[in-house]
Protein backbone atom coordinates (compact mmCIF):
# COMPACT_ATOMS: atom_id res chain seq x y z
CA MET A 1 0.00 0.00 0.00
CA LEU A 2 1.34 3.38 -1.06
CA LEU A 3 -0.25 6.33 0.74
CA HIS A 4 0.04 10.10 0.24
CA ILE A 5 -0.28 12.04 3.53
CA PRO A 6 -0.74 15.76 2.72
CA GLY A 7 0.06 18.86 4.73
CA LEU A 8 2.15 17.46 7.56
CA PHE A 9 3.96 20.81 7.65
CA ALA A 10 2.49 24.17 6.61
CA LYS A 11 4.20 26.11 3.82
CA GLU A 12 5.57 28.70 6.28
CA GLU A 13 7.12 25.94 8.40
CA VAL A 14 8.62 24.28 5.33
CA GLN A 15 10.21 27.55 4.27
CA ARG A 16 11.89 28.01 7.65
CA ILE A 17 13.10 24.39 7.65
CA ARG A 18 14.50 24.68 4.13
CA GLN A 19 16.34 27.90 4.98
CA ALA A 20 17.98 26.14 7.92
CA LEU A 21 18.87 23.14 5.75
CA GLU A 22 20.45 25.36 3.10
CA GLN A 23 22.93 26.58 5.74
CA ALA A 24 23.61 23.21 7.40
CA ASP A 25 26.85 21.22 7.35
CA TRP A 26 26.20 18.06 5.36
CA ALA A 27 27.98 14.69 5.38
CA ASP A 28 28.23 11.90 2.81
CA GLY A 29 24.94 9.97 2.74
CA LYS A 30 26.78 6.64 2.75
CA ILE A 31 27.30 6.96 6.54
CA THR A 32 23.91 5.35 7.24
CA ALA A 33 23.78 2.95 4.28
CA GLY A 34 24.26 -0.79 4.46
CA PHE A 35 27.09 -2.48 2.54
CA GLN A 36 25.12 -3.04 -0.66
CA SER A 37 23.16 0.22 -0.47
CA ALA A 38 26.36 2.26 -0.06
CA LYS A 39 27.36 1.27 -3.60
CA ALA A 40 24.17 2.84 -4.98
CA LYS A 41 23.83 5.88 -2.71
CA HIS A 42 25.06 9.28 -3.89
CA ASN A 43 23.64 12.05 -1.74
CA LEU A 44 24.23 14.23 1.30
CA GLN A 45 22.82 13.68 4.77
CA LEU A 46 22.73 15.31 8.18
CA PRO A 47 24.61 12.98 10.57
CA GLU A 48 22.52 11.02 13.09
CA GLY A 49 22.18 13.10 16.23
CA HIS A 50 22.70 16.40 14.39
CA PRO A 51 20.74 19.08 16.33
CA LEU A 52 18.81 20.24 13.27
CA ALA A 53 17.92 16.67 12.28
CA LYS A 54 16.73 15.97 15.83
CA GLU A 55 14.64 19.16 15.88
CA ILE A 56 13.01 18.35 12.53
CA GLY A 57 12.49 14.72 13.52
CA ALA A 58 10.84 15.62 16.81
CA ALA A 59 8.45 18.01 15.03
CA MET A 60 7.62 15.32 12.46
CA LEU A 61 6.87 12.66 15.05
CA GLU A 62 4.75 15.05 17.11
CA ARG A 63 2.57 15.64 14.06
CA LEU A 64 2.51 12.00 12.94
CA TRP A 65 1.25 10.67 16.27
CA LYS A 66 -1.67 13.13 15.93
CA ASN A 67 -2.32 12.34 12.26
CA PRO A 68 -5.35 10.01 11.86
CA LEU A 69 -4.31 8.90 8.36
CA PHE A 70 -0.82 7.85 9.47
CA MET A 71 -2.07 6.16 12.63
CA SER A 72 -4.73 4.20 10.74
CA ALA A 73 -2.42 3.11 7.91
CA ALA A 74 0.79 2.44 9.84
CA LEU A 75 -0.53 1.22 13.21
CA PRO A 76 2.87 2.27 14.59
CA HIS A 77 4.69 0.42 17.34
CA LYS A 78 8.21 1.89 17.02
CA VAL A 79 9.63 4.63 14.82
CA PHE A 80 13.25 5.07 13.78
CA PRO A 81 14.19 8.73 14.41
CA PRO A 82 13.81 10.64 11.12
CA LEU A 83 16.93 11.41 9.09
CA VAL A 84 17.36 14.31 6.65
CA ASN A 85 19.02 14.21 3.25
CA CYS A 86 19.79 16.35 0.22
CA TYR A 87 20.09 15.38 -3.45
CA THR A 88 21.77 17.87 -5.76
CA ALA A 89 24.31 18.10 -8.62
CA GLY A 90 23.38 14.71 -10.07
CA GLY A 91 22.86 13.01 -6.69
CA SER A 92 20.83 9.81 -6.82
CA PHE A 93 20.14 6.51 -5.03
CA ASP A 94 19.83 3.52 -7.33
CA PHE A 95 17.33 0.69 -6.84
CA HIS A 96 17.57 -0.95 -3.42
CA ILE A 97 15.52 -2.44 -0.59
CA ASP A 98 15.96 -0.93 2.88
CA ASN A 99 17.65 -2.94 5.62
CA ALA A 100 15.11 -5.10 7.46
CA VAL A 101 16.23 -3.90 10.91
CA ARG A 102 17.68 -0.52 11.91
CA GLN A 103 19.26 0.51 15.20
CA PRO A 104 19.39 4.22 16.07
CA LYS A 105 22.85 5.48 16.91
CA GLY A 106 23.53 5.27 20.65
CA SER A 107 20.41 3.20 21.35
CA ILE A 108 19.87 -0.46 22.21
CA GLU A 109 16.43 -0.29 20.59
CA ARG A 110 15.99 -1.98 17.22
CA VAL A 111 13.28 -1.14 14.71
CA ARG A 112 11.95 -3.56 12.09
CA THR A 113 11.38 -1.53 8.92
CA ASP A 114 7.84 -2.56 7.99
CA LEU A 115 7.10 0.85 6.46
CA SER A 116 9.28 3.47 4.80
CA ALA A 117 8.37 7.15 4.57
CA THR A 118 9.67 10.27 2.85
CA LEU A 119 8.60 13.81 3.73
CA PHE A 120 9.43 16.41 1.06
CA PHE A 121 10.84 19.84 1.98
CA SER A 122 11.39 21.10 -1.59
CA GLU A 123 8.63 22.07 -3.98
CA PRO A 124 8.49 19.94 -7.16
CA GLU A 125 9.26 22.95 -9.37
CA ASP A 126 12.42 23.77 -7.39
CA TYR A 127 14.35 20.82 -8.84
CA ASP A 128 14.47 18.55 -11.88
CA GLY A 129 14.52 14.79 -11.41
CA GLY A 130 14.60 13.49 -7.86
CA GLU A 131 11.43 11.39 -8.15
CA LEU A 132 11.06 8.61 -5.60
CA GLU A 133 10.40 5.61 -7.84
CA ILE A 134 8.71 2.68 -6.08
CA GLN A 135 8.03 -0.74 -7.57
CA ASP A 136 5.01 -2.53 -6.12
CA THR A 137 2.36 -5.04 -7.19
CA TYR A 138 0.70 -2.36 -9.37
CA GLY A 139 3.91 -1.58 -11.26
CA SER A 140 6.37 1.29 -10.93
CA GLN A 141 5.15 4.56 -9.39
CA ARG A 142 7.01 7.88 -9.39
CA VAL A 143 6.43 10.15 -6.41
CA LYS A 144 7.31 13.85 -6.29
CA LEU A 145 5.09 15.58 -3.75
CA PRO A 146 4.55 19.20 -2.68
CA ALA A 147 6.72 20.43 0.18
CA GLY A 148 5.22 19.42 3.52
CA ASP A 149 3.61 16.24 2.14
CA MET A 150 4.70 12.68 2.93
CA VAL A 151 4.52 9.32 1.20
CA LEU A 152 4.23 6.05 3.15
CA TYR A 153 5.00 2.70 1.50
CA PRO A 154 6.03 -0.88 2.39
CA GLY A 155 9.64 -1.28 3.49
CA THR A 156 9.83 -4.41 1.35
CA SER A 157 9.51 -2.33 -1.84
CA LEU A 158 12.29 -1.99 -4.37
CA HIS A 159 12.79 1.76 -4.80
CA LYS A 160 15.20 4.46 -5.91
CA VAL A 161 15.64 8.24 -6.08
CA ASN A 162 16.26 9.49 -9.60
CA ALA A 163 19.17 11.85 -10.23
CA VAL A 164 18.58 15.52 -9.44
CA THR A 165 19.84 17.49 -12.44
CA ARG A 166 18.80 20.99 -11.31
CA GLY A 167 18.27 22.55 -7.90
CA ALA A 168 18.20 20.66 -4.61
CA ARG A 169 15.81 18.08 -3.21
CA TYR A 170 15.56 18.28 0.61
CA ALA A 171 13.62 15.58 2.43
CA ALA A 172 13.32 13.63 5.67
CA PHE A 173 12.93 9.86 5.78
CA PHE A 174 12.31 7.25 8.44
CA TRP A 175 11.01 3.75 9.10
CA THR A 176 8.14 2.43 11.20
CA GLN A 177 7.73 -0.92 12.89
CA SER A 178 4.02 -1.62 12.79
CA LEU A 179 1.91 -3.48 15.31
CA VAL A 180 0.83 -5.53 12.26
CA ARG A 181 3.82 -6.89 10.34
CA GLU A 182 2.08 -8.01 7.12
CA ASP A 183 1.34 -5.26 4.59
CA SER A 184 -1.78 -6.96 3.17
CA GLN A 185 -3.28 -7.23 6.66
CA ARG A 186 -2.54 -3.56 7.39
CA ALA A 187 -4.19 -2.62 4.08
CA LEU A 188 -7.36 -4.52 4.98
CA LEU A 189 -7.51 -2.90 8.40
CA PHE A 190 -6.91 0.53 6.87
CA GLU A 191 -9.77 0.06 4.37
CA MET A 192 -12.09 -1.20 7.11
CA ASP A 193 -11.20 1.67 9.43
CA GLY A 194 -11.87 4.17 6.64
CA ALA A 195 -15.26 2.60 5.89
CA ILE A 196 -16.22 2.65 9.58
CA GLN A 197 -15.28 6.33 9.87
CA GLN A 198 -17.28 7.21 6.74
CA LEU A 199 -20.33 5.30 7.96
CA THR A 200 -20.03 6.99 11.34
CA GLN A 201 -20.36 10.34 9.56
CA ASP A 202 -23.11 9.30 7.12
CA VAL A 203 -25.32 7.03 9.27
CA PRO A 204 -24.05 7.40 12.85
CA GLU A 205 -26.92 5.43 14.39
CA HIS A 206 -26.70 2.40 12.13
CA PRO A 207 -26.64 -0.74 14.35
CA SER A 208 -24.12 -2.52 12.09
CA LEU A 209 -21.45 -0.01 13.10
CA ILE A 210 -21.00 -1.79 16.42
CA ARG A 211 -20.51 -5.13 14.66
CA LEU A 212 -18.12 -3.68 12.09
CA THR A 213 -16.06 -1.94 14.78
CA GLY A 214 -15.96 -5.17 16.78
CA THR A 215 -14.79 -7.10 13.72
CA TYR A 216 -12.04 -4.53 13.13
CA HIS A 217 -10.75 -4.89 16.67
CA ASN A 218 -11.00 -8.68 16.60
CA LEU A 219 -8.89 -8.76 13.43
CA LEU A 220 -6.43 -6.34 15.01
CA ARG A 221 -6.29 -8.54 18.11
CA ARG A 222 -5.59 -11.56 15.91
CA TRP A 223 -2.79 -9.94 13.90
CA VAL A 224 -1.12 -7.52 16.29
CA GLU A 225 2.40 -8.18 17.61
CA VAL A 226 3.55 -6.45 20.79
C-alpha cells in the first residue's frame, strides 16, 4: 500500500526548515547505508544526532502521532528517528531495498522496517529529477510531492531516487515498525477503518457499526504483535 499524507507541515514551516537546511553542514549519505546500499547511494545527509535533524524529527513525530491517516495506515509500534538528506548536482540513489532492521545510533532499541516514509521539503518545481520511484504489485510509481507532504509505503519495496539534475531536493525519511507486520493485513484494516469512519459520519446510528467496529478490533487482536 502506497499512501500520500498531505500537509504534515504548513508552507511557512517548510520555508523556515529549508532555509535552515540550506545553511547546514552536510555529510556523505553513505554513513547510514548498508554495505550493498552504499554502492548505490550518492547524496548528502545530516549525521545522526545532528541538532537540526533531531529538531526536525521531533516536530515530524509530534505531528505523525496526531495524524489520523498515518495512525490508521501504519498502526505504529516503534519509529526510527527521522533522518534528513539532500540530493543535488546529479545526486541519486539507485534501486535498493531498505535494511530489514535498523538501530538508532547510541540506542539499544531496534526497529523492524515494515514501512518506509519520505517527507518532502522542496517544492516539485524547485528541482528537476529526484522522483522517488517505487516498484510494487501495481507496477512502478514515481512520487514527487509538494513540500510538507509525505509518502508512506512498504519497506519491502524496491525503490530508488532518480538523479537531481537541477536545484536541490531536501527531504526527511524514516522507518516504522508496525503493530501488524504483514502489509496486506494492514491494508485490509486501513480500508475497514476508513469505511467505519465514513459510515459513522453518514449514518451514525446504524446498528451494524458496532458489529463492524468489533470485527475490526478482533482482526487487530488476531494480527497484532507487541
